[in-house]
Amino acid sequence: MMRFLAPLLAALAMLFTVSAASAAAVTPQQSFIDGIAGNVLSIVQGKMSDQAKASALEAIFLKNVDFDWVAKFVLGRHFRAATPAQQTDYIAAYKPFLIKNYVARLTKYTGQSYKITGTKQTSDGASLVSMQLVDPNGPPVLVDYRVIGRPGAFKVSDIVVEDVSLITTQRAEFNAFVSKNGLPALIDALKKKAATAATVAAK
C-alpha cells in the first residue's frame, strides 16, 4: 500500500521549502505559492524545536490545502458508496495522515531552489503554476501545482510531477486497497500512518 507516498512527499517538500526570492510573482496564484514557501522556509530554518516547527507547519497546511476536496477525490466511488459515518471517519483520518507525514519530512528538510516558468488555466477553472525545481544533486524536476479558488481564498489541490498527477496516483492506490480490504481497513491504516509520522516529527 501507499507506493504514491514517497514521490508525493518529495514534491510537496520541494514546493514548501523553495527560496521565495528566486522567482518573481507574475500572477496571484504564483504570489500565493511564493507566500507559502516564504512562511514555511522561515519556520524550517528557524531555531524552534522540531515539535514547535511541526505545530506551525500543520497550521499552514490546514490553511492552504483543500483537504476535504482531495480526500473525496482520492477515494472516488468508494467515498460515494460509504455511509455518512464512514465518510466522516475517513476524512477525519485522512487530514492528519497527510499533514503529519508532510510535517515529519519538512522539519528535517534543508531546501531546494526553483524557477517559475508560467501559469495556465485548466478547463475546469483551476490554475497550474509551473515550476522547474533545481536539485544540486540531480537533474531538474518539472512540477505543476494545481491552485483552485479565487484571490484571497486559494487552495492547493494537486501536484503534477513530470506529467503525473499525484492525487490521481493516490486515488488508484486507495481504490485498489479498499476493493481488497474494505474502507474500515483503509481508515485504520491512515490512522496508524499518521501516528507513526507524528512520533517521528516529535523526536
C-alpha atoms as a PDB file:
ATOM      1  CA  MET A   1       0.000   0.000   0.000  1.00  0.00           C
ATOM      2  CA  MET A   2       0.907   3.730  -0.297  1.00  0.00           C
ATOM      3  CA  ARG A   3       3.527   3.495  -3.069  1.00  0.00           C
ATOM      4  CA  PHE A   4       2.494   7.036  -4.017  1.00  0.00           C
ATOM      5  CA  LEU A   5       3.735   8.489  -0.708  1.00  0.00           C
ATOM      6  CA  ALA A   6       7.467   8.926  -1.418  1.00  0.00           C
ATOM      7  CA  PRO A   7       7.083  10.995  -4.618  1.00  0.00           C
ATOM      8  CA  LEU A   8       4.204  12.956  -3.121  1.00  0.00           C
ATOM      9  CA  LEU A   9       6.180  13.935  -0.048  1.00  0.00           C
ATOM     10  CA  ALA A  10       9.276  14.796  -2.081  1.00  0.00           C
ATOM     11  CA  ALA A  11       7.358  17.047  -4.445  1.00  0.00           C
ATOM     12  CA  LEU A  12       5.432  18.839  -1.723  1.00  0.00           C
ATOM     13  CA  ALA A  13       8.557  19.230   0.383  1.00  0.00           C
ATOM     14  CA  MET A  14      10.285  20.930  -2.537  1.00  0.00           C
ATOM     15  CA  LEU A  15       7.292  23.242  -3.004  1.00  0.00           C
ATOM     16  CA  PHE A  16       7.192  24.309   0.624  1.00  0.00           C
ATOM     17  CA  THR A  17      10.943  24.840   1.067  1.00  0.00           C
ATOM     18  CA  VAL A  18      11.991  26.764  -2.037  1.00  0.00           C
ATOM     19  CA  SER A  19      13.566  30.194  -1.822  1.00  0.00           C
ATOM     20  CA  ALA A  20      10.891  32.818  -2.350  1.00  0.00           C
ATOM     21  CA  ALA A  21      13.481  35.278  -3.638  1.00  0.00           C
ATOM     22  CA  SER A  22      14.393  33.103  -6.602  1.00  0.00           C
ATOM     23  CA  ALA A  23      11.336  33.880  -8.715  1.00  0.00           C
ATOM     24  CA  ALA A  24       9.144  36.930  -9.226  1.00  0.00           C
ATOM     25  CA  ALA A  25       5.411  36.509  -8.776  1.00  0.00           C
ATOM     26  CA  VAL A  26       3.620  37.161 -12.069  1.00  0.00           C
ATOM     27  CA  THR A  27       0.084  36.019 -11.239  1.00  0.00           C
ATOM     28  CA  PRO A  28      -1.932  35.946  -7.999  1.00  0.00           C
ATOM     29  CA  GLN A  29      -1.555  32.164  -7.996  1.00  0.00           C
ATOM     30  CA  GLN A  30       2.244  32.461  -8.148  1.00  0.00           C
ATOM     31  CA  SER A  31       2.150  35.004  -5.343  1.00  0.00           C
ATOM     32  CA  PHE A  32       0.102  32.539  -3.294  1.00  0.00           C
ATOM     33  CA  ILE A  33       2.678  29.777  -3.812  1.00  0.00           C
ATOM     34  CA  ASP A  34       5.567  32.145  -3.022  1.00  0.00           C
ATOM     35  CA  GLY A  35       3.833  33.272   0.157  1.00  0.00           C
ATOM     36  CA  ILE A  36       3.512  29.711   1.413  1.00  0.00           C
ATOM     37  CA  ALA A  37       7.121  28.989   0.524  1.00  0.00           C
ATOM     38  CA  GLY A  38       8.431  32.009   2.394  1.00  0.00           C
ATOM     39  CA  ASN A  39       6.449  31.251   5.539  1.00  0.00           C
ATOM     40  CA  VAL A  40       7.453  27.606   5.635  1.00  0.00           C
ATOM     41  CA  LEU A  41      11.091  28.300   4.830  1.00  0.00           C
ATOM     42  CA  SER A  42      11.335  30.692   7.781  1.00  0.00           C
ATOM     43  CA  ILE A  43       9.900  28.008  10.065  1.00  0.00           C
ATOM     44  CA  VAL A  44      12.092  25.180   8.765  1.00  0.00           C
ATOM     45  CA  GLN A  45      15.254  27.271   9.033  1.00  0.00           C
ATOM     46  CA  GLY A  46      14.329  28.768  12.402  1.00  0.00           C
ATOM     47  CA  LYS A  47      15.666  27.801  15.797  1.00  0.00           C
ATOM     48  CA  MET A  48      12.453  26.345  17.189  1.00  0.00           C
ATOM     49  CA  SER A  49      12.229  22.777  18.400  1.00  0.00           C
ATOM     50  CA  ASP A  50      11.008  20.173  15.937  1.00  0.00           C
ATOM     51  CA  GLN A  51       7.760  19.941  17.895  1.00  0.00           C
ATOM     52  CA  ALA A  52       7.189  23.710  17.636  1.00  0.00           C
ATOM     53  CA  LYS A  53       8.045  23.621  13.930  1.00  0.00           C
ATOM     54  CA  ALA A  54       5.573  20.789  13.428  1.00  0.00           C
ATOM     55  CA  SER A  55       2.759  22.755  15.055  1.00  0.00           C
ATOM     56  CA  ALA A  56       3.479  25.851  12.958  1.00  0.00           C
ATOM     57  CA  LEU A  57       3.703  23.836   9.740  1.00  0.00           C
ATOM     58  CA  GLU A  58       0.461  21.991  10.473  1.00  0.00           C
ATOM     59  CA  ALA A  59      -1.341  25.337  10.733  1.00  0.00           C
ATOM     60  CA  ILE A  60      -0.033  26.355   7.305  1.00  0.00           C
ATOM     61  CA  PHE A  61      -1.133  23.066   5.744  1.00  0.00           C
ATOM     62  CA  LEU A  62      -4.621  23.355   7.221  1.00  0.00           C
ATOM     63  CA  LYS A  63      -4.972  26.869   5.832  1.00  0.00           C
ATOM     64  CA  ASN A  64      -3.645  26.302   2.313  1.00  0.00           C
ATOM     65  CA  VAL A  65      -4.537  22.758   1.188  1.00  0.00           C
ATOM     66  CA  ASP A  66      -8.105  21.771   0.223  1.00  0.00           C
ATOM     67  CA  PHE A  67      -8.142  18.575   2.292  1.00  0.00           C
ATOM     68  CA  ASP A  68     -11.869  17.881   2.025  1.00  0.00           C
ATOM     69  CA  TRP A  69     -11.873  18.062  -1.781  1.00  0.00           C
ATOM     70  CA  VAL A  70      -8.706  15.973  -2.111  1.00  0.00           C
ATOM     71  CA  ALA A  71      -9.920  13.383   0.405  1.00  0.00           C
ATOM     72  CA  LYS A  72     -13.171  12.873  -1.513  1.00  0.00           C
ATOM     73  CA  PHE A  73     -11.420  12.784  -4.882  1.00  0.00           C
ATOM     74  CA  VAL A  74      -8.825  10.179  -3.965  1.00  0.00           C
ATOM     75  CA  LEU A  75     -11.421   7.809  -2.503  1.00  0.00           C
ATOM     76  CA  GLY A  76     -13.658   8.262  -5.554  1.00  0.00           C
ATOM     77  CA  ARG A  77     -16.601   5.878  -5.876  1.00  0.00           C
ATOM     78  CA  HIS A  78     -15.834   4.321  -2.503  1.00  0.00           C
ATOM     79  CA  PHE A  79     -16.499   7.659  -0.824  1.00  0.00           C
ATOM     80  CA  ARG A  80     -19.857   7.997  -2.556  1.00  0.00           C
ATOM     81  CA  ALA A  81     -20.768   4.430  -1.546  1.00  0.00           C
ATOM     82  CA  ALA A  82     -19.745   4.893   2.088  1.00  0.00           C
ATOM     83  CA  THR A  83     -22.200   5.614   4.889  1.00  0.00           C
ATOM     84  CA  PRO A  84     -22.239   9.167   6.290  1.00  0.00           C
ATOM     85  CA  ALA A  85     -20.467   7.885   9.418  1.00  0.00           C
ATOM     86  CA  GLN A  86     -17.749   6.214   7.318  1.00  0.00           C
ATOM     87  CA  GLN A  87     -17.302   9.378   5.244  1.00  0.00           C
ATOM     88  CA  THR A  88     -16.811  11.408   8.407  1.00  0.00           C
ATOM     89  CA  ASP A  89     -14.362   8.882   9.878  1.00  0.00           C
ATOM     90  CA  TYR A  90     -12.390   8.691   6.638  1.00  0.00           C
ATOM     91  CA  ILE A  91     -11.960  12.460   6.247  1.00  0.00           C
ATOM     92  CA  ALA A  92     -11.058  12.732   9.932  1.00  0.00           C
ATOM     93  CA  ALA A  93      -8.307  10.119   9.389  1.00  0.00           C
ATOM     94  CA  TYR A  94      -7.141  11.465   6.029  1.00  0.00           C
ATOM     95  CA  LYS A  95      -6.290  15.009   7.155  1.00  0.00           C
ATOM     96  CA  PRO A  96      -3.787  14.067   9.881  1.00  0.00           C
ATOM     97  CA  PHE A  97      -2.400  11.309   7.640  1.00  0.00           C
ATOM     98  CA  LEU A  98      -1.362  13.870   5.022  1.00  0.00           C
ATOM     99  CA  ILE A  99      -0.406  16.666   7.385  1.00  0.00           C
ATOM    100  CA  LYS A 100       1.706  14.664   9.802  1.00  0.00           C
ATOM    101  CA  ASN A 101       3.534  12.771   7.058  1.00  0.00           C
ATOM    102  CA  TYR A 102       4.425  16.041   5.314  1.00  0.00           C
ATOM    103  CA  VAL A 103       5.422  17.752   8.544  1.00  0.00           C
ATOM    104  CA  ALA A 104       7.636  14.868   9.662  1.00  0.00           C
ATOM    105  CA  ARG A 105       9.615  15.291   6.451  1.00  0.00           C
ATOM    106  CA  LEU A 106       9.669  19.085   6.390  1.00  0.00           C
ATOM    107  CA  THR A 107      11.045  19.532   9.909  1.00  0.00           C
ATOM    108  CA  LYS A 108      14.222  17.788   8.684  1.00  0.00           C
ATOM    109  CA  TYR A 109      14.351  19.443   5.244  1.00  0.00           C
ATOM    110  CA  THR A 110      17.091  21.823   4.074  1.00  0.00           C
ATOM    111  CA  GLY A 111      15.541  23.185   0.876  1.00  0.00           C
ATOM    112  CA  GLN A 112      15.774  23.455  -2.893  1.00  0.00           C
ATOM    113  CA  SER A 113      15.660  26.292  -5.414  1.00  0.00           C
ATOM    114  CA  TYR A 114      13.198  26.842  -8.230  1.00  0.00           C
ATOM    115  CA  LYS A 115      12.247  28.838 -11.291  1.00  0.00           C
ATOM    116  CA  ILE A 116       8.612  29.620 -12.072  1.00  0.00           C
ATOM    117  CA  THR A 117       8.027  29.040 -15.762  1.00  0.00           C
ATOM    118  CA  GLY A 118       4.395  30.136 -16.091  1.00  0.00           C
ATOM    119  CA  THR A 119       0.766  29.780 -15.117  1.00  0.00           C
ATOM    120  CA  LYS A 120      -2.031  28.365 -17.258  1.00  0.00           C
ATOM    121  CA  GLN A 121      -5.752  27.860 -16.817  1.00  0.00           C
ATOM    122  CA  THR A 122      -7.364  24.424 -16.945  1.00  0.00           C
ATOM    123  CA  SER A 123     -10.724  23.608 -18.485  1.00  0.00           C
ATOM    124  CA  ASP A 124     -12.354  23.351 -15.046  1.00  0.00           C
ATOM    125  CA  GLY A 125     -11.241  26.824 -13.958  1.00  0.00           C
ATOM    126  CA  ALA A 126      -8.200  25.859 -11.881  1.00  0.00           C
ATOM    127  CA  SER A 127      -4.691  27.224 -12.463  1.00  0.00           C
ATOM    128  CA  LEU A 128      -1.475  25.282 -12.895  1.00  0.00           C
ATOM    129  CA  VAL A 129       1.621  27.081 -11.601  1.00  0.00           C
ATOM    130  CA  SER A 130       4.543  25.532 -13.465  1.00  0.00           C
ATOM    131  CA  MET A 131       7.973  25.281 -11.867  1.00  0.00           C
ATOM    132  CA  GLN A 132      11.366  23.874 -12.629  1.00  0.00           C
ATOM    133  CA  LEU A 133      12.770  22.551  -9.355  1.00  0.00           C
ATOM    134  CA  VAL A 134      16.546  22.643  -9.207  1.00  0.00           C
ATOM    135  CA  ASP A 135      18.329  19.968  -7.197  1.00  0.00           C
ATOM    136  CA  PRO A 136      22.146  20.299  -6.949  1.00  0.00           C
ATOM    137  CA  ASN A 137      22.373  16.523  -6.711  1.00  0.00           C
ATOM    138  CA  GLY A 138      20.293  15.652  -9.758  1.00  0.00           C
ATOM    139  CA  PRO A 139      18.512  16.849 -12.910  1.00  0.00           C
ATOM    140  CA  PRO A 140      15.765  19.498 -12.747  1.00  0.00           C
ATOM    141  CA  VAL A 141      12.252  18.290 -11.984  1.00  0.00           C
ATOM    142  CA  LEU A 142       9.232  19.766 -13.781  1.00  0.00           C
ATOM    143  CA  VAL A 143       6.248  20.249 -11.464  1.00  0.00           C
ATOM    144  CA  ASP A 144       2.810  21.845 -11.828  1.00  0.00           C
ATOM    145  CA  TYR A 145       0.906  22.923  -8.719  1.00  0.00           C
ATOM    146  CA  ARG A 146      -2.867  22.982  -9.139  1.00  0.00           C
ATOM    147  CA  VAL A 147      -4.373  26.031  -7.445  1.00  0.00           C
ATOM    148  CA  ILE A 148      -8.140  26.451  -7.050  1.00  0.00           C
ATOM    149  CA  GLY A 149     -10.312  29.228  -5.674  1.00  0.00           C
ATOM    150  CA  ARG A 150     -10.120  32.996  -6.008  1.00  0.00           C
ATOM    151  CA  PRO A 151      -7.580  35.577  -4.783  1.00  0.00           C
ATOM    152  CA  GLY A 152      -7.651  35.627  -1.014  1.00  0.00           C
ATOM    153  CA  ALA A 153      -9.077  32.101  -0.871  1.00  0.00           C
ATOM    154  CA  PHE A 154      -6.667  29.998  -2.946  1.00  0.00           C
ATOM    155  CA  LYS A 155      -6.032  26.331  -2.106  1.00  0.00           C
ATOM    156  CA  VAL A 156      -3.543  23.728  -3.366  1.00  0.00           C
ATOM    157  CA  SER A 157      -5.410  20.676  -4.686  1.00  0.00           C
ATOM    158  CA  ASP A 158      -2.843  18.652  -6.650  1.00  0.00           C
ATOM    159  CA  ILE A 159       0.812  18.298  -7.612  1.00  0.00           C
ATOM    160  CA  VAL A 160       1.741  17.071 -11.083  1.00  0.00           C
ATOM    161  CA  VAL A 161       5.318  15.772 -11.240  1.00  0.00           C
ATOM    162  CA  GLU A 162       6.683  15.194 -14.748  1.00  0.00           C
ATOM    163  CA  ASP A 163       3.079  14.974 -16.080  1.00  0.00           C
ATOM    164  CA  VAL A 164       1.983  12.504 -13.376  1.00  0.00           C
ATOM    165  CA  SER A 165      -0.840  13.698 -11.112  1.00  0.00           C
ATOM    166  CA  LEU A 166      -0.096  12.599  -7.583  1.00  0.00           C
ATOM    167  CA  ILE A 167      -3.705  12.685  -6.365  1.00  0.00           C
ATOM    168  CA  THR A 168      -4.674  10.518  -9.335  1.00  0.00           C
ATOM    169  CA  THR A 169      -1.907   8.103  -8.363  1.00  0.00           C
ATOM    170  CA  GLN A 170      -3.149   8.142  -4.776  1.00  0.00           C
ATOM    171  CA  ARG A 171      -6.696   7.536  -5.978  1.00  0.00           C
ATOM    172  CA  ALA A 172      -5.578   4.368  -7.772  1.00  0.00           C
ATOM    173  CA  GLU A 173      -3.757   3.183  -4.626  1.00  0.00           C
ATOM    174  CA  PHE A 174      -6.705   3.869  -2.313  1.00  0.00           C
ATOM    175  CA  ASN A 175      -9.267   2.282  -4.614  1.00  0.00           C
ATOM    176  CA  ALA A 176      -7.181  -0.867  -5.007  1.00  0.00           C
ATOM    177  CA  PHE A 177      -6.684  -1.100  -1.237  1.00  0.00           C
ATOM    178  CA  VAL A 178     -10.367  -0.559  -0.409  1.00  0.00           C
ATOM    179  CA  SER A 179     -11.513  -3.021  -3.092  1.00  0.00           C
ATOM    180  CA  LYS A 180      -9.330  -5.677  -1.490  1.00  0.00           C
ATOM    181  CA  ASN A 181      -9.538  -4.837   2.209  1.00  0.00           C
ATOM    182  CA  GLY A 182     -12.529  -2.559   2.755  1.00  0.00           C
ATOM    183  CA  LEU A 183     -12.888   1.075   3.817  1.00  0.00           C
ATOM    184  CA  PRO A 184     -12.556   0.408   7.588  1.00  0.00           C
ATOM    185  CA  ALA A 185      -9.145  -1.148   6.928  1.00  0.00           C
ATOM    186  CA  LEU A 186      -8.047   1.934   4.990  1.00  0.00           C
ATOM    187  CA  ILE A 187      -9.202   4.240   7.774  1.00  0.00           C
ATOM    188  CA  ASP A 188      -7.261   2.159  10.297  1.00  0.00           C
ATOM    189  CA  ALA A 189      -4.145   2.210   8.095  1.00  0.00           C
ATOM    190  CA  LEU A 190      -4.340   6.004   7.722  1.00  0.00           C
ATOM    191  CA  LYS A 191      -4.593   6.446  11.486  1.00  0.00           C
ATOM    192  CA  LYS A 192      -1.563   4.226  12.064  1.00  0.00           C
ATOM    193  CA  LYS A 193       0.482   6.068   9.413  1.00  0.00           C
ATOM    194  CA  ALA A 194      -0.409   9.427  10.980  1.00  0.00           C
ATOM    195  CA  ALA A 195       0.525   8.216  14.469  1.00  0.00           C
ATOM    196  CA  THR A 196       3.883   6.936  13.231  1.00  0.00           C
ATOM    197  CA  ALA A 197       4.632  10.182  11.410  1.00  0.00           C
ATOM    198  CA  ALA A 198       3.664  12.238  14.463  1.00  0.00           C
ATOM    199  CA  THR A 199       6.118  10.243  16.586  1.00  0.00           C
ATOM    200  CA  VAL A 200       8.907  10.881  14.053  1.00  0.00           C
ATOM    201  CA  ALA A 201       8.161  14.607  13.886  1.00  0.00           C
ATOM    202  CA  ALA A 202       8.242  14.922  17.684  1.00  0.00           C
ATOM    203  CA  LYS A 203      11.726  13.440  18.001  1.00  0.00           C
END
